[in-house]
Amino acid sequence: MHGGLIKAVIFLPGTVLVLIPAMILLVGFASGWPLHVAFPNQARFWIAFIFAGAGFSLSVWTVALFMRFGNGTPAPWEPPQQLVVRGPYRHVRNPMITGVLLVLLAEAIVLGSWPIAAWMLVFFIGNAIYFPLSEERGLEGRFGSKYRDYKSHVPRWVPRLRPWKQMQDVEQDSGGSLKS
C-alpha cells in the first residue's frame, strides 16, 4: 500500500471517525451521558449499517480514483496531480467528505449519541467554510480553467442527478477523437 495513503488514512479520517468520537464517548461516559447502543435486532442498527457501508464504500472509491487517475492521495501533503472528474466526482465535488459524514451519521445512530451527531454537524460546517476559502482556491490555482469549468457545473454538496459530462466527453460520445 502507498505510504502517503497510509499516513493520510491514519491522520485524516482516523482522527475524524475514530479519535474524536472516542474522546466524545469518553467525556460523555465520565460525565454520566447515557449511551444507547443499537443491536442487530433493532432497525436503527441496520440503518446505521447501511449508512456506514455507503460511506465507507464512497470513501474507498474516491481514494482509489485519486490514486489511479489523479496520481496522488487525499492528503494535502501529496495531492492529486490531475483533476479527477470520474465516478461520484461527476455528481458532486466533495464525495469523500460525504462518505465521512455518512460514517459519522452511522456512528451517531448505532451508539445513540447526540454528541457524535453534533460532532458530525461541526465537521460539516468546518468543511463548508474551509472548502470555498482554501481548498477550492488551491484547486483553481493548480488546475485553472479546467477546475473553474468543473466547479460551475458540479455542485459542492448536493449531488446532481445526472453525471456532468465534460466537453471532451461530449466530443468523444459524438465520434470525436478526444479521450478523457
N, C-alpha and C. Protein backbone atom coordinates (compact mmCIF):
# COMPACT_ATOMS: atom_id res chain seq x y z
N MET A 1 0.85 -1.19 0.00
CA MET A 1 0.00 0.00 0.00
C MET A 1 0.88 1.24 0.00
N HIS A 2 0.43 2.28 -0.60
CA HIS A 2 1.12 3.54 -0.75
C HIS A 2 1.37 4.19 0.62
N GLY A 3 2.63 4.55 0.92
CA GLY A 3 3.00 5.11 2.23
C GLY A 3 2.27 6.39 2.57
N GLY A 4 2.12 7.29 1.59
CA GLY A 4 1.40 8.54 1.81
C GLY A 4 -0.06 8.30 2.13
N LEU A 5 -0.62 7.28 1.51
CA LEU A 5 -2.03 6.97 1.75
C LEU A 5 -2.23 6.44 3.17
N ILE A 6 -1.32 5.60 3.63
CA ILE A 6 -1.43 5.06 5.00
C ILE A 6 -1.41 6.21 6.00
N LYS A 7 -0.47 7.14 5.82
CA LYS A 7 -0.38 8.29 6.72
C LYS A 7 -1.65 9.13 6.63
N ALA A 8 -2.17 9.32 5.40
CA ALA A 8 -3.38 10.11 5.21
C ALA A 8 -4.58 9.47 5.90
N VAL A 9 -4.71 8.14 5.79
CA VAL A 9 -5.85 7.45 6.40
C VAL A 9 -5.79 7.51 7.92
N ILE A 10 -4.59 7.32 8.46
CA ILE A 10 -4.44 7.36 9.92
C ILE A 10 -4.70 8.78 10.43
N PHE A 11 -4.14 9.75 9.73
CA PHE A 11 -4.22 11.13 10.19
C PHE A 11 -5.59 11.77 9.98
N LEU A 12 -6.15 11.66 8.79
CA LEU A 12 -7.35 12.40 8.46
C LEU A 12 -8.64 11.68 8.89
N PRO A 13 -9.09 10.64 8.18
CA PRO A 13 -10.33 10.01 8.64
C PRO A 13 -10.15 9.32 9.99
N GLY A 14 -8.94 8.86 10.30
CA GLY A 14 -8.71 8.24 11.61
C GLY A 14 -9.02 9.18 12.74
N THR A 15 -8.63 10.43 12.58
CA THR A 15 -8.90 11.45 13.61
C THR A 15 -10.39 11.77 13.66
N VAL A 16 -10.98 12.00 12.49
CA VAL A 16 -12.39 12.43 12.41
C VAL A 16 -13.35 11.31 12.83
N LEU A 17 -13.06 10.07 12.40
CA LEU A 17 -14.00 8.97 12.61
C LEU A 17 -13.72 8.12 13.85
N VAL A 18 -12.50 8.16 14.36
CA VAL A 18 -12.15 7.30 15.49
C VAL A 18 -11.74 8.11 16.71
N LEU A 19 -10.70 8.91 16.58
CA LEU A 19 -10.14 9.62 17.73
C LEU A 19 -11.13 10.59 18.37
N ILE A 20 -11.69 11.49 17.59
CA ILE A 20 -12.62 12.47 18.16
C ILE A 20 -13.89 11.81 18.70
N PRO A 21 -14.53 10.89 17.95
CA PRO A 21 -15.69 10.21 18.55
C PRO A 21 -15.34 9.44 19.83
N ALA A 22 -14.16 8.83 19.88
CA ALA A 22 -13.74 8.12 21.11
C ALA A 22 -13.60 9.09 22.26
N MET A 23 -13.02 10.26 21.99
CA MET A 23 -12.89 11.27 23.04
C MET A 23 -14.26 11.77 23.49
N ILE A 24 -15.16 11.95 22.54
CA ILE A 24 -16.53 12.37 22.87
C ILE A 24 -17.19 11.33 23.77
N LEU A 25 -17.04 10.06 23.41
CA LEU A 25 -17.63 8.99 24.21
C LEU A 25 -17.01 8.91 25.60
N LEU A 26 -15.69 9.09 25.69
CA LEU A 26 -15.02 9.05 27.00
C LEU A 26 -15.49 10.20 27.90
N VAL A 27 -15.55 11.38 27.34
CA VAL A 27 -16.03 12.53 28.12
C VAL A 27 -17.49 12.31 28.51
N GLY A 28 -18.29 11.83 27.58
CA GLY A 28 -19.69 11.57 27.87
C GLY A 28 -19.86 10.51 28.94
N PHE A 29 -19.08 9.45 28.84
CA PHE A 29 -19.14 8.38 29.84
C PHE A 29 -18.75 8.91 31.22
N ALA A 30 -17.68 9.69 31.27
CA ALA A 30 -17.20 10.24 32.55
C ALA A 30 -18.21 11.20 33.16
N SER A 31 -18.98 11.88 32.33
CA SER A 31 -19.96 12.83 32.86
C SER A 31 -21.35 12.22 33.03
N GLY A 32 -21.45 10.92 32.79
CA GLY A 32 -22.72 10.24 33.01
C GLY A 32 -23.69 10.30 31.83
N TRP A 33 -23.24 10.75 30.65
CA TRP A 33 -24.11 10.80 29.47
C TRP A 33 -24.45 9.37 29.07
N PRO A 34 -25.73 9.04 28.95
CA PRO A 34 -26.10 7.65 28.63
C PRO A 34 -25.76 7.28 27.18
N LEU A 35 -25.33 6.06 27.02
CA LEU A 35 -25.02 5.52 25.70
C LEU A 35 -26.10 4.48 25.38
N HIS A 36 -26.72 4.62 24.23
CA HIS A 36 -27.80 3.72 23.84
C HIS A 36 -27.40 2.95 22.58
N VAL A 37 -26.57 1.94 22.76
CA VAL A 37 -26.05 1.17 21.64
C VAL A 37 -27.16 0.34 21.00
N ALA A 38 -27.20 0.36 19.67
CA ALA A 38 -28.18 -0.44 18.94
C ALA A 38 -27.63 -1.84 18.72
N PHE A 39 -28.52 -2.80 18.70
CA PHE A 39 -28.15 -4.20 18.48
C PHE A 39 -28.82 -4.71 17.21
N PRO A 40 -28.34 -5.82 16.65
CA PRO A 40 -28.87 -6.31 15.38
C PRO A 40 -30.37 -6.59 15.35
N ASN A 41 -31.00 -6.70 16.49
CA ASN A 41 -32.45 -6.91 16.50
C ASN A 41 -33.22 -5.59 16.44
N GLN A 42 -32.52 -4.47 16.27
CA GLN A 42 -33.16 -3.16 16.19
C GLN A 42 -32.96 -2.56 14.79
N ALA A 43 -33.99 -1.87 14.31
CA ALA A 43 -33.94 -1.27 12.97
C ALA A 43 -32.81 -0.25 12.85
N ARG A 44 -32.58 0.54 13.90
CA ARG A 44 -31.54 1.57 13.77
C ARG A 44 -30.14 0.98 13.61
N PHE A 45 -29.92 -0.23 14.08
CA PHE A 45 -28.65 -0.92 13.84
C PHE A 45 -28.45 -1.11 12.35
N TRP A 46 -29.48 -1.56 11.66
CA TRP A 46 -29.38 -1.84 10.23
C TRP A 46 -29.36 -0.56 9.41
N ILE A 47 -30.06 0.45 9.87
CA ILE A 47 -29.99 1.76 9.21
C ILE A 47 -28.56 2.29 9.29
N ALA A 48 -27.97 2.21 10.48
CA ALA A 48 -26.59 2.64 10.66
C ALA A 48 -25.64 1.80 9.79
N PHE A 49 -25.90 0.52 9.72
CA PHE A 49 -25.08 -0.38 8.90
C PHE A 49 -25.10 0.05 7.44
N ILE A 50 -26.27 0.42 6.94
CA ILE A 50 -26.40 0.87 5.54
C ILE A 50 -25.63 2.17 5.33
N PHE A 51 -25.81 3.14 6.26
CA PHE A 51 -25.08 4.41 6.14
C PHE A 51 -23.57 4.18 6.21
N ALA A 52 -23.13 3.33 7.12
CA ALA A 52 -21.69 3.06 7.26
C ALA A 52 -21.14 2.39 6.00
N GLY A 53 -21.87 1.43 5.46
CA GLY A 53 -21.45 0.76 4.24
C GLY A 53 -21.36 1.71 3.06
N ALA A 54 -22.38 2.55 2.92
CA ALA A 54 -22.38 3.54 1.83
C ALA A 54 -21.24 4.53 2.00
N GLY A 55 -21.04 5.02 3.21
CA GLY A 55 -19.98 6.00 3.46
C GLY A 55 -18.60 5.42 3.26
N PHE A 56 -18.39 4.21 3.77
CA PHE A 56 -17.09 3.55 3.62
C PHE A 56 -16.82 3.26 2.14
N SER A 57 -17.81 2.74 1.43
CA SER A 57 -17.65 2.43 0.01
C SER A 57 -17.34 3.68 -0.80
N LEU A 58 -18.06 4.76 -0.53
CA LEU A 58 -17.83 6.01 -1.23
C LEU A 58 -16.42 6.54 -0.95
N SER A 59 -15.99 6.46 0.29
CA SER A 59 -14.66 6.93 0.65
C SER A 59 -13.56 6.11 -0.04
N VAL A 60 -13.70 4.80 -0.02
CA VAL A 60 -12.70 3.94 -0.67
C VAL A 60 -12.68 4.20 -2.18
N TRP A 61 -13.84 4.32 -2.78
CA TRP A 61 -13.95 4.57 -4.21
C TRP A 61 -13.24 5.88 -4.59
N THR A 62 -13.50 6.95 -3.82
CA THR A 62 -12.92 8.24 -4.16
C THR A 62 -11.40 8.24 -3.95
N VAL A 63 -10.93 7.59 -2.91
CA VAL A 63 -9.48 7.50 -2.68
C VAL A 63 -8.83 6.72 -3.84
N ALA A 64 -9.47 5.64 -4.26
CA ALA A 64 -8.93 4.85 -5.37
C ALA A 64 -8.87 5.69 -6.65
N LEU A 65 -9.88 6.51 -6.88
CA LEU A 65 -9.87 7.39 -8.06
C LEU A 65 -8.73 8.39 -7.98
N PHE A 66 -8.51 8.97 -6.80
CA PHE A 66 -7.41 9.92 -6.62
C PHE A 66 -6.07 9.25 -6.93
N MET A 67 -5.90 8.04 -6.45
CA MET A 67 -4.63 7.35 -6.65
C MET A 67 -4.45 6.91 -8.10
N ARG A 68 -5.49 6.36 -8.69
CA ARG A 68 -5.37 5.80 -10.04
C ARG A 68 -5.34 6.87 -11.13
N PHE A 69 -6.23 7.85 -11.03
CA PHE A 69 -6.35 8.84 -12.09
C PHE A 69 -5.78 10.20 -11.73
N GLY A 70 -5.62 10.47 -10.46
CA GLY A 70 -5.10 11.76 -10.03
C GLY A 70 -3.62 11.73 -9.69
N ASN A 71 -3.06 10.52 -9.59
CA ASN A 71 -1.65 10.36 -9.24
C ASN A 71 -1.30 11.04 -7.92
N GLY A 72 -2.15 10.83 -6.91
CA GLY A 72 -1.91 11.40 -5.59
C GLY A 72 -2.83 10.77 -4.57
N THR A 73 -2.90 11.39 -3.42
CA THR A 73 -3.77 10.91 -2.34
C THR A 73 -4.67 12.06 -1.89
N PRO A 74 -5.61 11.80 -0.99
CA PRO A 74 -6.45 12.89 -0.47
C PRO A 74 -5.68 13.83 0.46
N ALA A 75 -4.50 13.44 0.87
CA ALA A 75 -3.73 14.22 1.84
C ALA A 75 -3.17 15.50 1.21
N PRO A 76 -3.22 16.60 1.95
CA PRO A 76 -2.69 17.86 1.41
C PRO A 76 -1.19 17.80 1.12
N TRP A 77 -0.47 16.91 1.77
CA TRP A 77 0.97 16.81 1.54
C TRP A 77 1.31 15.97 0.31
N GLU A 78 0.31 15.31 -0.29
CA GLU A 78 0.53 14.51 -1.50
C GLU A 78 -0.74 14.55 -2.36
N PRO A 79 -1.14 15.77 -2.81
CA PRO A 79 -2.42 15.91 -3.51
C PRO A 79 -2.36 15.33 -4.93
N PRO A 80 -3.53 15.06 -5.51
CA PRO A 80 -3.57 14.58 -6.89
C PRO A 80 -2.92 15.58 -7.84
N GLN A 81 -2.24 15.05 -8.83
CA GLN A 81 -1.58 15.89 -9.83
C GLN A 81 -2.50 16.16 -11.03
N GLN A 82 -3.56 15.37 -11.15
CA GLN A 82 -4.53 15.51 -12.23
C GLN A 82 -5.90 15.76 -11.60
N LEU A 83 -6.71 16.58 -12.25
CA LEU A 83 -8.08 16.81 -11.79
C LEU A 83 -8.89 15.54 -12.05
N VAL A 84 -9.52 15.02 -11.00
CA VAL A 84 -10.30 13.78 -11.11
C VAL A 84 -11.77 14.15 -11.28
N VAL A 85 -12.32 13.82 -12.44
CA VAL A 85 -13.73 14.06 -12.73
C VAL A 85 -14.30 12.75 -13.27
N ARG A 86 -14.40 11.78 -12.38
CA ARG A 86 -14.90 10.45 -12.71
C ARG A 86 -15.79 9.98 -11.57
N GLY A 87 -16.57 8.95 -11.86
CA GLY A 87 -17.39 8.35 -10.81
C GLY A 87 -18.22 9.38 -10.07
N PRO A 88 -18.17 9.35 -8.75
CA PRO A 88 -19.02 10.26 -7.97
C PRO A 88 -18.62 11.73 -8.15
N TYR A 89 -17.40 12.01 -8.60
CA TYR A 89 -16.97 13.39 -8.83
C TYR A 89 -17.70 14.03 -9.99
N ARG A 90 -18.42 13.25 -10.77
CA ARG A 90 -19.24 13.81 -11.85
C ARG A 90 -20.60 14.26 -11.33
N HIS A 91 -20.90 13.90 -10.10
CA HIS A 91 -22.18 14.28 -9.49
C HIS A 91 -22.04 15.36 -8.43
N VAL A 92 -20.93 15.32 -7.69
CA VAL A 92 -20.74 16.24 -6.56
C VAL A 92 -19.23 16.46 -6.37
N ARG A 93 -18.85 17.67 -5.95
CA ARG A 93 -17.42 17.99 -5.86
C ARG A 93 -16.74 17.39 -4.64
N ASN A 94 -17.47 17.03 -3.61
CA ASN A 94 -16.85 16.55 -2.38
C ASN A 94 -17.40 15.21 -1.90
N PRO A 95 -17.36 14.19 -2.74
CA PRO A 95 -17.93 12.90 -2.32
C PRO A 95 -17.15 12.25 -1.18
N MET A 96 -15.87 12.56 -1.04
CA MET A 96 -15.08 11.98 0.03
C MET A 96 -15.61 12.46 1.39
N ILE A 97 -15.92 13.75 1.48
CA ILE A 97 -16.48 14.30 2.71
C ILE A 97 -17.87 13.72 2.95
N THR A 98 -18.63 13.54 1.89
CA THR A 98 -19.95 12.91 2.03
C THR A 98 -19.81 11.52 2.63
N GLY A 99 -18.82 10.76 2.17
CA GLY A 99 -18.58 9.43 2.72
C GLY A 99 -18.26 9.49 4.21
N VAL A 100 -17.42 10.42 4.61
CA VAL A 100 -17.06 10.57 6.02
C VAL A 100 -18.29 10.97 6.84
N LEU A 101 -19.10 11.88 6.31
CA LEU A 101 -20.32 12.29 7.01
C LEU A 101 -21.29 11.12 7.19
N LEU A 102 -21.39 10.26 6.19
CA LEU A 102 -22.27 9.09 6.31
C LEU A 102 -21.77 8.13 7.39
N VAL A 103 -20.46 7.95 7.50
CA VAL A 103 -19.91 7.08 8.54
C VAL A 103 -20.14 7.71 9.91
N LEU A 104 -19.95 9.02 10.04
CA LEU A 104 -20.23 9.69 11.32
C LEU A 104 -21.71 9.56 11.70
N LEU A 105 -22.58 9.70 10.71
CA LEU A 105 -24.01 9.53 10.97
C LEU A 105 -24.28 8.11 11.46
N ALA A 106 -23.65 7.14 10.84
CA ALA A 106 -23.82 5.74 11.27
C ALA A 106 -23.35 5.56 12.71
N GLU A 107 -22.22 6.15 13.06
CA GLU A 107 -21.71 6.06 14.44
C GLU A 107 -22.71 6.68 15.42
N ALA A 108 -23.23 7.85 15.07
CA ALA A 108 -24.19 8.52 15.96
C ALA A 108 -25.45 7.67 16.14
N ILE A 109 -25.92 7.05 15.06
CA ILE A 109 -27.14 6.24 15.13
C ILE A 109 -26.90 4.96 15.93
N VAL A 110 -25.84 4.23 15.61
CA VAL A 110 -25.63 2.94 16.27
C VAL A 110 -25.29 3.11 17.76
N LEU A 111 -24.65 4.24 18.10
CA LEU A 111 -24.31 4.48 19.50
C LEU A 111 -25.36 5.31 20.23
N GLY A 112 -26.36 5.77 19.50
CA GLY A 112 -27.39 6.61 20.10
C GLY A 112 -26.77 7.84 20.74
N SER A 113 -25.82 8.45 20.05
CA SER A 113 -25.04 9.54 20.61
C SER A 113 -25.33 10.88 19.93
N TRP A 114 -26.05 11.74 20.65
CA TRP A 114 -26.27 13.10 20.15
C TRP A 114 -24.97 13.89 20.08
N PRO A 115 -24.04 13.70 21.01
CA PRO A 115 -22.76 14.43 20.89
C PRO A 115 -21.98 14.06 19.62
N ILE A 116 -22.03 12.81 19.19
CA ILE A 116 -21.36 12.45 17.94
C ILE A 116 -22.11 13.05 16.75
N ALA A 117 -23.43 13.12 16.84
CA ALA A 117 -24.22 13.79 15.79
C ALA A 117 -23.84 15.28 15.74
N ALA A 118 -23.62 15.88 16.90
CA ALA A 118 -23.19 17.28 16.95
C ALA A 118 -21.80 17.43 16.33
N TRP A 119 -20.90 16.47 16.61
CA TRP A 119 -19.57 16.49 16.00
C TRP A 119 -19.68 16.40 14.48
N MET A 120 -20.60 15.57 13.98
CA MET A 120 -20.80 15.46 12.54
C MET A 120 -21.19 16.83 11.96
N LEU A 121 -22.07 17.53 12.64
CA LEU A 121 -22.50 18.86 12.20
C LEU A 121 -21.33 19.85 12.23
N VAL A 122 -20.54 19.83 13.29
CA VAL A 122 -19.37 20.71 13.40
C VAL A 122 -18.38 20.40 12.27
N PHE A 123 -18.16 19.11 12.00
CA PHE A 123 -17.26 18.69 10.92
C PHE A 123 -17.76 19.22 9.58
N PHE A 124 -19.06 19.10 9.33
CA PHE A 124 -19.62 19.59 8.07
C PHE A 124 -19.46 21.11 7.97
N ILE A 125 -19.81 21.83 9.02
CA ILE A 125 -19.70 23.30 8.99
C ILE A 125 -18.25 23.72 8.76
N GLY A 126 -17.32 23.04 9.42
CA GLY A 126 -15.90 23.34 9.21
C GLY A 126 -15.50 23.16 7.75
N ASN A 127 -15.96 22.08 7.15
CA ASN A 127 -15.65 21.84 5.73
C ASN A 127 -16.38 22.81 4.81
N ALA A 128 -17.60 23.18 5.18
CA ALA A 128 -18.36 24.14 4.38
C ALA A 128 -17.68 25.51 4.37
N ILE A 129 -16.93 25.81 5.40
CA ILE A 129 -16.16 27.06 5.44
C ILE A 129 -14.81 26.87 4.75
N TYR A 130 -14.14 25.76 5.05
CA TYR A 130 -12.79 25.51 4.54
C TYR A 130 -12.76 25.37 3.01
N PHE A 131 -13.69 24.63 2.44
CA PHE A 131 -13.62 24.35 1.01
C PHE A 131 -13.65 25.60 0.14
N PRO A 132 -14.64 26.49 0.30
CA PRO A 132 -14.62 27.67 -0.58
C PRO A 132 -13.47 28.64 -0.28
N LEU A 133 -13.03 28.72 0.97
CA LEU A 133 -11.99 29.68 1.32
C LEU A 133 -10.58 29.20 1.02
N SER A 134 -10.35 27.90 1.05
CA SER A 134 -8.98 27.40 0.89
C SER A 134 -8.86 26.33 -0.20
N GLU A 135 -9.54 25.24 -0.02
CA GLU A 135 -9.40 24.09 -0.92
C GLU A 135 -9.69 24.46 -2.38
N GLU A 136 -10.81 25.11 -2.61
CA GLU A 136 -11.19 25.42 -3.99
C GLU A 136 -10.26 26.46 -4.61
N ARG A 137 -9.77 27.39 -3.82
CA ARG A 137 -8.80 28.36 -4.34
C ARG A 137 -7.52 27.65 -4.77
N GLY A 138 -7.09 26.70 -3.95
CA GLY A 138 -5.91 25.93 -4.30
C GLY A 138 -6.11 25.11 -5.56
N LEU A 139 -7.29 24.52 -5.71
CA LEU A 139 -7.58 23.73 -6.91
C LEU A 139 -7.63 24.61 -8.15
N GLU A 140 -8.18 25.82 -8.01
CA GLU A 140 -8.19 26.76 -9.14
C GLU A 140 -6.76 27.15 -9.52
N GLY A 141 -5.91 27.32 -8.52
CA GLY A 141 -4.52 27.65 -8.79
C GLY A 141 -3.79 26.51 -9.49
N ARG A 142 -4.09 25.27 -9.11
CA ARG A 142 -3.40 24.10 -9.69
C ARG A 142 -3.96 23.71 -11.05
N PHE A 143 -5.29 23.78 -11.20
CA PHE A 143 -5.91 23.25 -12.41
C PHE A 143 -6.56 24.30 -13.31
N GLY A 144 -6.57 25.55 -12.86
CA GLY A 144 -7.04 26.67 -13.69
C GLY A 144 -8.45 26.54 -14.22
N SER A 145 -8.58 26.80 -15.53
CA SER A 145 -9.91 26.84 -16.15
C SER A 145 -10.62 25.50 -16.13
N LYS A 146 -9.86 24.40 -16.11
CA LYS A 146 -10.50 23.07 -16.04
C LYS A 146 -11.30 22.96 -14.74
N TYR A 147 -10.71 23.42 -13.63
CA TYR A 147 -11.42 23.34 -12.35
C TYR A 147 -12.57 24.34 -12.30
N ARG A 148 -12.36 25.55 -12.83
CA ARG A 148 -13.44 26.54 -12.82
C ARG A 148 -14.64 26.05 -13.62
N ASP A 149 -14.39 25.39 -14.75
CA ASP A 149 -15.47 24.82 -15.56
C ASP A 149 -16.19 23.72 -14.78
N TYR A 150 -15.41 22.84 -14.18
CA TYR A 150 -15.97 21.76 -13.35
C TYR A 150 -16.82 22.35 -12.22
N LYS A 151 -16.26 23.33 -11.53
CA LYS A 151 -16.94 23.96 -10.39
C LYS A 151 -18.25 24.62 -10.81
N SER A 152 -18.30 25.16 -12.02
CA SER A 152 -19.52 25.83 -12.47
C SER A 152 -20.62 24.84 -12.85
N HIS A 153 -20.28 23.57 -13.04
CA HIS A 153 -21.27 22.57 -13.45
C HIS A 153 -21.61 21.53 -12.39
N VAL A 154 -20.73 21.35 -11.42
CA VAL A 154 -20.93 20.29 -10.43
C VAL A 154 -21.06 20.93 -9.05
N PRO A 155 -22.15 20.67 -8.34
CA PRO A 155 -22.36 21.30 -7.04
C PRO A 155 -21.40 20.80 -5.97
N ARG A 156 -21.19 21.64 -4.97
CA ARG A 156 -20.25 21.33 -3.90
C ARG A 156 -20.78 20.22 -3.00
N TRP A 157 -22.05 20.27 -2.59
CA TRP A 157 -22.55 19.32 -1.58
C TRP A 157 -23.73 18.48 -2.03
N VAL A 158 -24.68 19.04 -2.73
CA VAL A 158 -25.88 18.30 -3.12
C VAL A 158 -25.66 17.72 -4.53
N PRO A 159 -25.63 16.40 -4.65
CA PRO A 159 -25.28 15.78 -5.93
C PRO A 159 -26.26 16.09 -7.06
N ARG A 160 -25.71 16.20 -8.26
CA ARG A 160 -26.52 16.27 -9.49
C ARG A 160 -27.13 14.89 -9.71
N LEU A 161 -28.31 14.85 -10.26
CA LEU A 161 -28.91 13.55 -10.56
C LEU A 161 -28.21 12.90 -11.75
N ARG A 162 -27.91 13.67 -12.75
CA ARG A 162 -27.22 13.15 -13.93
C ARG A 162 -25.75 13.53 -13.86
N PRO A 163 -24.87 12.62 -14.22
CA PRO A 163 -23.44 12.96 -14.16
C PRO A 163 -23.09 14.06 -15.17
N TRP A 164 -22.20 14.95 -14.74
CA TRP A 164 -21.74 16.00 -15.64
C TRP A 164 -20.81 15.42 -16.67
N LYS A 165 -21.03 15.81 -17.92
CA LYS A 165 -20.14 15.37 -18.99
C LYS A 165 -19.29 16.57 -19.40
N GLN A 166 -17.98 16.38 -19.29
CA GLN A 166 -17.06 17.41 -19.73
C GLN A 166 -17.16 17.55 -21.23
N MET A 167 -16.74 18.68 -21.76
CA MET A 167 -16.81 18.90 -23.20
C MET A 167 -16.10 17.78 -23.95
N GLN A 168 -14.95 17.32 -23.46
CA GLN A 168 -14.23 16.25 -24.16
C GLN A 168 -15.03 14.95 -24.16
N ASP A 169 -15.83 14.71 -23.10
CA ASP A 169 -16.69 13.52 -23.08
C ASP A 169 -17.77 13.63 -24.14
N VAL A 170 -18.34 14.83 -24.28
CA VAL A 170 -19.39 15.05 -25.27
C VAL A 170 -18.82 14.86 -26.67
N GLU A 171 -17.61 15.42 -26.91
CA GLU A 171 -16.99 15.27 -28.22
C GLU A 171 -16.67 13.81 -28.50
N GLN A 172 -16.22 13.08 -27.49
CA GLN A 172 -15.89 11.67 -27.67
C GLN A 172 -17.17 10.87 -27.96
N ASP A 173 -18.27 11.17 -27.24
CA ASP A 173 -19.53 10.48 -27.48
C ASP A 173 -20.06 10.71 -28.89
N SER A 174 -19.75 11.88 -29.46
CA SER A 174 -20.27 12.19 -30.79
C SER A 174 -19.29 11.79 -31.90
N GLY A 175 -18.30 10.97 -31.56
CA GLY A 175 -17.40 10.45 -32.57
C GLY A 175 -16.06 11.17 -32.66
N GLY A 176 -15.84 12.16 -31.82
CA GLY A 176 -14.55 12.86 -31.82
C GLY A 176 -13.44 11.95 -31.33
N SER A 177 -12.22 12.42 -31.45
CA SER A 177 -11.08 11.57 -31.09
C SER A 177 -10.50 11.90 -29.71
N LEU A 178 -11.08 12.83 -28.99
CA LEU A 178 -10.55 13.18 -27.66
C LEU A 178 -10.81 12.08 -26.68
N LYS A 179 -9.88 11.88 -25.77
CA LYS A 179 -10.02 10.86 -24.72
C LYS A 179 -9.99 11.54 -23.37
N SER A 180 -10.82 11.03 -22.44
CA SER A 180 -10.83 11.61 -21.10
C SER A 180 -9.90 10.89 -20.18
